Structure formats: C-alpha cells, structure tokens
Amino acid sequence: MKTKNLSRKSIKLILNILESVQKESRILLKRCQEDKNCNLETYENIVDKCNELEYTIKEIKELL
C-alpha cells in the first residue's frame, strides 16, 4: 500500500473512525437479519460494507 507520510496520530484517528462506522454497520446488519421485511439487496450491501471496512481496518493497522 502506497502512502504519504501520515502521522501516527492521524492513522489512529482514521482507525477510530473506521471502527466506529464498522460498529454501526454491524448493528444495522443485525437489525436487518432480525427484520423479515429487509430485502436481500439491502442486506448484501451492508455485508459488503462490513467486509470493506474490515479489510481497510486491517490495512490501516499495518501502518501502525
């Protein structure tokens, strides 16, 4: 991964933001799983978002 010189503080801030969004997305995913009226496309979009966040968080952690 090519990066410019990000400070450790900036990396931690980005990581915190990503983890917060991930937490919210997991809550939405759980609600969707419990909702019988939640359509498949919405569910799949949330799953994709969770997967992308997880991957990105993993990459950011490698910068620390």
PDB file of N, CA and C in Angstrom:
ATOM      1  N   MET A   1       0.837  -1.174   0.000  1.00  0.00           N
ATOM      2  CA  MET A   1       0.000   0.000   0.000  1.00  0.00           C
ATOM      3  C   MET A   1       0.885   1.241   0.000  1.00  0.00           C
ATOM      4  N   LYS A   2       0.667   2.105  -0.929  1.00  0.00           N
ATOM      5  CA  LYS A   2       1.466   3.320  -1.029  1.00  0.00           C
ATOM      6  C   LYS A   2       0.808   4.420  -0.203  1.00  0.00           C
ATOM      7  N   THR A   3       1.567   5.028   0.666  1.00  0.00           N
ATOM      8  CA  THR A   3       1.025   6.095   1.496  1.00  0.00           C
ATOM      9  C   THR A   3       1.966   7.273   1.506  1.00  0.00           C
ATOM     10  N   LYS A   4       1.383   8.405   1.778  1.00  0.00           N
ATOM     11  CA  LYS A   4       2.207   9.573   2.063  1.00  0.00           C
ATOM     12  C   LYS A   4       2.506   9.494   3.535  1.00  0.00           C
ATOM     13  N   ASN A   5       3.339  10.341   4.007  1.00  0.00           N
ATOM     14  CA  ASN A   5       3.734  10.297   5.404  1.00  0.00           C
ATOM     15  C   ASN A   5       2.598  10.769   6.314  1.00  0.00           C
ATOM     16  N   LEU A   6       1.835   9.828   6.770  1.00  0.00           N
ATOM     17  CA  LEU A   6       0.782  10.132   7.734  1.00  0.00           C
ATOM     18  C   LEU A   6       1.361   9.996   9.130  1.00  0.00           C
ATOM     19  N   SER A   7       0.970  10.895   9.982  1.00  0.00           N
ATOM     20  CA  SER A   7       1.443  10.790  11.356  1.00  0.00           C
ATOM     21  C   SER A   7       0.716   9.642  12.054  1.00  0.00           C
ATOM     22  N   ARG A   8       1.335   9.151  13.078  1.00  0.00           N
ATOM     23  CA  ARG A   8       0.730   8.075  13.863  1.00  0.00           C
ATOM     24  C   ARG A   8      -0.621   8.533  14.436  1.00  0.00           C
ATOM     25  N   LYS A   9      -0.680   9.774  14.831  1.00  0.00           N
ATOM     26  CA  LYS A   9      -1.912  10.342  15.377  1.00  0.00           C
ATOM     27  C   LYS A   9      -3.027  10.325  14.321  1.00  0.00           C
ATOM     28  N   SER A  10      -2.695  10.685  13.106  1.00  0.00           N
ATOM     29  CA  SER A  10      -3.670  10.673  12.011  1.00  0.00           C
ATOM     30  C   SER A  10      -4.144   9.255  11.704  1.00  0.00           C
ATOM     31  N   ILE A  11      -3.231   8.332  11.703  1.00  0.00           N
ATOM     32  CA  ILE A  11      -3.575   6.937  11.444  1.00  0.00           C
ATOM     33  C   ILE A  11      -4.530   6.417  12.519  1.00  0.00           C
ATOM     34  N   LYS A  12      -4.254   6.753  13.762  1.00  0.00           N
ATOM     35  CA  LYS A  12      -5.128   6.317  14.856  1.00  0.00           C
ATOM     36  C   LYS A  12      -6.513   6.943  14.740  1.00  0.00           C
ATOM     37  N   LEU A  13      -6.570   8.202  14.340  1.00  0.00           N
ATOM     38  CA  LEU A  13      -7.856   8.873  14.156  1.00  0.00           C
ATOM     39  C   LEU A  13      -8.659   8.188  13.053  1.00  0.00           C
ATOM     40  N   ILE A  14      -8.025   7.925  11.942  1.00  0.00           N
ATOM     41  CA  ILE A  14      -8.682   7.229  10.831  1.00  0.00           C
ATOM     42  C   ILE A  14      -9.165   5.863  11.280  1.00  0.00           C
ATOM     43  N   LEU A  15      -8.344   5.164  12.005  1.00  0.00           N
ATOM     44  CA  LEU A  15      -8.704   3.845  12.509  1.00  0.00           C
ATOM     45  C   LEU A  15      -9.923   3.916  13.428  1.00  0.00           C
ATOM     46  N   ASN A  16      -9.945   4.896  14.322  1.00  0.00           N
ATOM     47  CA  ASN A  16     -11.091   5.059  15.214  1.00  0.00           C
ATOM     48  C   ASN A  16     -12.377   5.338  14.446  1.00  0.00           C
ATOM     49  N   ILE A  17     -12.281   6.173  13.446  1.00  0.00           N
ATOM     50  CA  ILE A  17     -13.456   6.490  12.628  1.00  0.00           C
ATOM     51  C   ILE A  17     -13.946   5.246  11.899  1.00  0.00           C
ATOM     52  N   LEU A  18     -13.039   4.523  11.294  1.00  0.00           N
ATOM     53  CA  LEU A  18     -13.416   3.304  10.576  1.00  0.00           C
ATOM     54  C   LEU A  18     -14.043   2.271  11.510  1.00  0.00           C
ATOM     55  N   GLU A  19     -13.479   2.119  12.686  1.00  0.00           N
ATOM     56  CA  GLU A  19     -14.028   1.162  13.642  1.00  0.00           C
ATOM     57  C   GLU A  19     -15.410   1.582  14.130  1.00  0.00           C
ATOM     58  N   SER A  20     -15.647   2.880  14.261  1.00  0.00           N
ATOM     59  CA  SER A  20     -16.969   3.366  14.656  1.00  0.00           C
ATOM     60  C   SER A  20     -17.999   3.079  13.563  1.00  0.00           C
ATOM     61  N   VAL A  21     -17.616   3.336  12.331  1.00  0.00           N
ATOM     62  CA  VAL A  21     -18.515   3.059  11.208  1.00  0.00           C
ATOM     63  C   VAL A  21     -18.774   1.563  11.108  1.00  0.00           C
ATOM     64  N   GLN A  22     -17.743   0.764  11.342  1.00  0.00           N
ATOM     65  CA  GLN A  22     -17.899  -0.683  11.305  1.00  0.00           C
ATOM     66  C   GLN A  22     -18.884  -1.153  12.380  1.00  0.00           C
ATOM     67  N   LYS A  23     -18.769  -0.603  13.557  1.00  0.00           N
ATOM     68  CA  LYS A  23     -19.671  -0.960  14.651  1.00  0.00           C
ATOM     69  C   LYS A  23     -21.119  -0.629  14.284  1.00  0.00           C
ATOM     70  N   GLU A  24     -21.334   0.556  13.733  1.00  0.00           N
ATOM     71  CA  GLU A  24     -22.680   0.957  13.305  1.00  0.00           C
ATOM     72  C   GLU A  24     -23.203   0.038  12.206  1.00  0.00           C
ATOM     73  N   SER A  25     -22.338  -0.332  11.289  1.00  0.00           N
ATOM     74  CA  SER A  25     -22.739  -1.209  10.191  1.00  0.00           C
ATOM     75  C   SER A  25     -23.120  -2.590  10.707  1.00  0.00           C
ATOM     76  N   ARG A  26     -22.402  -3.072  11.689  1.00  0.00           N
ATOM     77  CA  ARG A  26     -22.739  -4.375  12.274  1.00  0.00           C
ATOM     78  C   ARG A  26     -24.085  -4.330  12.995  1.00  0.00           C
ATOM     79  N   ILE A  27     -24.385  -3.201  13.619  1.00  0.00           N
ATOM     80  CA  ILE A  27     -25.694  -3.034  14.269  1.00  0.00           C
ATOM     81  C   ILE A  27     -26.793  -3.061  13.208  1.00  0.00           C
ATOM     82  N   LEU A  28     -26.564  -2.351  12.100  1.00  0.00           N
ATOM     83  CA  LEU A  28     -27.540  -2.364  11.005  1.00  0.00           C
ATOM     84  C   LEU A  28     -27.710  -3.765  10.429  1.00  0.00           C
ATOM     85  N   LEU A  29     -26.609  -4.464  10.310  1.00  0.00           N
ATOM     86  CA  LEU A  29     -26.661  -5.826   9.787  1.00  0.00           C
ATOM     87  C   LEU A  29     -27.491  -6.723  10.696  1.00  0.00           C
ATOM     88  N   LYS A  30     -27.277  -6.598  11.973  1.00  0.00           N
ATOM     89  CA  LYS A  30     -28.036  -7.408  12.927  1.00  0.00           C
ATOM     90  C   LYS A  30     -29.527  -7.074  12.851  1.00  0.00           C
ATOM     91  N   ARG A  31     -29.845  -5.790  12.751  1.00  0.00           N
ATOM     92  CA  ARG A  31     -31.254  -5.389  12.629  1.00  0.00           C
ATOM     93  C   ARG A  31     -31.869  -5.957  11.361  1.00  0.00           C
ATOM     94  N   CYS A  32     -31.108  -5.917  10.296  1.00  0.00           N
ATOM     95  CA  CYS A  32     -31.596  -6.435   9.021  1.00  0.00           C
ATOM     96  C   CYS A  32     -31.825  -7.946   9.107  1.00  0.00           C
ATOM     97  N   GLN A  33     -30.942  -8.645   9.793  1.00  0.00           N
ATOM     98  CA  GLN A  33     -31.106 -10.088   9.962  1.00  0.00           C
ATOM     99  C   GLN A  33     -32.362 -10.419  10.753  1.00  0.00           C
ATOM    100  N   GLU A  34     -32.704  -9.553  11.695  1.00  0.00           N
ATOM    101  CA  GLU A  34     -33.882  -9.781  12.538  1.00  0.00           C
ATOM    102  C   GLU A  34     -35.173  -9.329  11.862  1.00  0.00           C
ATOM    103  N   ASP A  35     -35.057  -8.477  10.849  1.00  0.00           N
ATOM    104  CA  ASP A  35     -36.225  -7.923  10.170  1.00  0.00           C
ATOM    105  C   ASP A  35     -36.598  -8.804   8.980  1.00  0.00           C
ATOM    106  N   LYS A  36     -37.756  -9.404   9.051  1.00  0.00           N
ATOM    107  CA  LYS A  36     -38.197 -10.289   7.970  1.00  0.00           C
ATOM    108  C   LYS A  36     -38.514  -9.521   6.696  1.00  0.00           C
ATOM    109  N   ASN A  37     -38.701  -8.205   6.809  1.00  0.00           N
ATOM    110  CA  ASN A  37     -39.024  -7.386   5.642  1.00  0.00           C
ATOM    111  C   ASN A  37     -37.792  -6.737   5.005  1.00  0.00           C
ATOM    112  N   CYS A  38     -36.643  -6.983   5.556  1.00  0.00           N
ATOM    113  CA  CYS A  38     -35.413  -6.435   4.998  1.00  0.00           C
ATOM    114  C   CYS A  38     -35.113  -7.157   3.679  1.00  0.00           C
ATOM    115  N   ASN A  39     -34.966  -6.365   2.613  1.00  0.00           N
ATOM    116  CA  ASN A  39     -34.743  -7.034   1.326  1.00  0.00           C
ATOM    117  C   ASN A  39     -33.302  -7.503   1.183  1.00  0.00           C
ATOM    118  N   LEU A  40     -33.114  -8.438   0.305  1.00  0.00           N
ATOM    119  CA  LEU A  40     -31.817  -9.086   0.122  1.00  0.00           C
ATOM    120  C   LEU A  40     -30.747  -8.097  -0.349  1.00  0.00           C
ATOM    121  N   GLU A  41     -31.104  -7.189  -1.220  1.00  0.00           N
ATOM    122  CA  GLU A  41     -30.132  -6.225  -1.736  1.00  0.00           C
ATOM    123  C   GLU A  41     -29.586  -5.337  -0.609  1.00  0.00           C
ATOM    124  N   THR A  42     -30.462  -4.883   0.250  1.00  0.00           N
ATOM    125  CA  THR A  42     -30.031  -4.070   1.391  1.00  0.00           C
ATOM    126  C   THR A  42     -29.094  -4.865   2.279  1.00  0.00           C
ATOM    127  N   TYR A  43     -29.466  -6.087   2.569  1.00  0.00           N
ATOM    128  CA  TYR A  43     -28.644  -6.962   3.402  1.00  0.00           C
ATOM    129  C   TYR A  43     -27.262  -7.163   2.772  1.00  0.00           C
ATOM    130  N   GLU A  44     -27.240  -7.469   1.500  1.00  0.00           N
ATOM    131  CA  GLU A  44     -25.967  -7.702   0.809  1.00  0.00           C
ATOM    132  C   GLU A  44     -25.095  -6.443   0.779  1.00  0.00           C
ATOM    133  N   ASN A  45     -25.718  -5.289   0.624  1.00  0.00           N
ATOM    134  CA  ASN A  45     -24.958  -4.031   0.638  1.00  0.00           C
ATOM    135  C   ASN A  45     -24.305  -3.805   1.993  1.00  0.00           C
ATOM    136  N   ILE A  46     -25.022  -4.100   3.048  1.00  0.00           N
ATOM    137  CA  ILE A  46     -24.467  -3.936   4.397  1.00  0.00           C
ATOM    138  C   ILE A  46     -23.328  -4.921   4.621  1.00  0.00           C
ATOM    139  N   VAL A  47     -23.504  -6.148   4.180  1.00  0.00           N
ATOM    140  CA  VAL A  47     -22.445  -7.157   4.308  1.00  0.00           C
ATOM    141  C   VAL A  47     -21.202  -6.714   3.542  1.00  0.00           C
ATOM    142  N   ASP A  48     -21.390  -6.215   2.328  1.00  0.00           N
ATOM    143  CA  ASP A  48     -20.257  -5.729   1.525  1.00  0.00           C
ATOM    144  C   ASP A  48     -19.540  -4.589   2.234  1.00  0.00           C
ATOM    145  N   LYS A  49     -20.312  -3.675   2.792  1.00  0.00           N
ATOM    146  CA  LYS A  49     -19.720  -2.543   3.508  1.00  0.00           C
ATOM    147  C   LYS A  49     -18.912  -3.033   4.707  1.00  0.00           C
ATOM    148  N   CYS A  50     -19.462  -3.988   5.449  1.00  0.00           N
ATOM    149  CA  CYS A  50     -18.748  -4.545   6.609  1.00  0.00           C
ATOM    150  C   CYS A  50     -17.437  -5.196   6.178  1.00  0.00           C
ATOM    151  N   ASN A  51     -17.479  -5.930   5.087  1.00  0.00           N
ATOM    152  CA  ASN A  51     -16.273  -6.592   4.585  1.00  0.00           C
ATOM    153  C   ASN A  51     -15.220  -5.577   4.135  1.00  0.00           C
ATOM    154  N   GLU A  52     -15.653  -4.529   3.449  1.00  0.00           N
ATOM    155  CA  GLU A  52     -14.724  -3.490   3.002  1.00  0.00           C
ATOM    156  C   GLU A  52     -14.097  -2.773   4.199  1.00  0.00           C
ATOM    157  N   LEU A  53     -14.904  -2.486   5.182  1.00  0.00           N
ATOM    158  CA  LEU A  53     -14.393  -1.829   6.382  1.00  0.00           C
ATOM    159  C   LEU A  53     -13.381  -2.717   7.101  1.00  0.00           C
ATOM    160  N   GLU A  54     -13.705  -3.984   7.213  1.00  0.00           N
ATOM    161  CA  GLU A  54     -12.800  -4.914   7.888  1.00  0.00           C
ATOM    162  C   GLU A  54     -11.453  -4.972   7.177  1.00  0.00           C
ATOM    163  N   TYR A  55     -11.479  -5.056   5.867  1.00  0.00           N
ATOM    164  CA  TYR A  55     -10.248  -5.102   5.083  1.00  0.00           C
ATOM    165  C   TYR A  55      -9.446  -3.810   5.252  1.00  0.00           C
ATOM    166  N   THR A  56     -10.125  -2.681   5.167  1.00  0.00           N
ATOM    167  CA  THR A  56      -9.461  -1.385   5.283  1.00  0.00           C
ATOM    168  C   THR A  56      -8.866  -1.193   6.676  1.00  0.00           C
ATOM    169  N   ILE A  57      -9.598  -1.596   7.692  1.00  0.00           N
ATOM    170  CA  ILE A  57      -9.090  -1.502   9.066  1.00  0.00           C
ATOM    171  C   ILE A  57      -7.824  -2.331   9.211  1.00  0.00           C
ATOM    172  N   LYS A  58      -7.838  -3.503   8.631  1.00  0.00           N
ATOM    173  CA  LYS A  58      -6.660  -4.370   8.684  1.00  0.00           C
ATOM    174  C   LYS A  58      -5.459  -3.694   8.018  1.00  0.00           C
ATOM    175  N   GLU A  59      -5.691  -3.051   6.882  1.00  0.00           N
ATOM    176  CA  GLU A  59      -4.610  -2.344   6.194  1.00  0.00           C
ATOM    177  C   GLU A  59      -4.085  -1.173   7.012  1.00  0.00           C
ATOM    178  N   ILE A  60      -4.989  -0.419   7.600  1.00  0.00           N
ATOM    179  CA  ILE A  60      -4.590   0.736   8.404  1.00  0.00           C
ATOM    180  C   ILE A  60      -3.786   0.290   9.620  1.00  0.00           C
ATOM    181  N   LYS A  61      -4.190  -0.796  10.243  1.00  0.00           N
ATOM    182  CA  LYS A  61      -3.461  -1.295  11.409  1.00  0.00           C
ATOM    183  C   LYS A  61      -2.026  -1.677  11.064  1.00  0.00           C
ATOM    184  N   GLU A  62      -1.813  -2.097   9.848  1.00  0.00           N
ATOM    185  CA  GLU A  62      -0.456  -2.451   9.412  1.00  0.00           C
ATOM    186  C   GLU A  62       0.445  -1.219   9.342  1.00  0.00           C
ATOM    187  N   LEU A  63      -0.133  -0.042   9.250  1.00  0.00           N
ATOM    188  CA  LEU A  63       0.651   1.195   9.194  1.00  0.00           C
ATOM    189  C   LEU A  63       1.154   1.616  10.565  1.00  0.00           C
ATOM    190  N   LEU A  64       0.550   1.060  11.606  1.00  0.00           N
ATOM    191  CA  LEU A  64       0.959   1.452  12.966  1.00  0.00           C
ATOM    192  C   LEU A  64       2.240   0.757  13.386  1.00  0.00           C
TER     193      LEU A  64
END
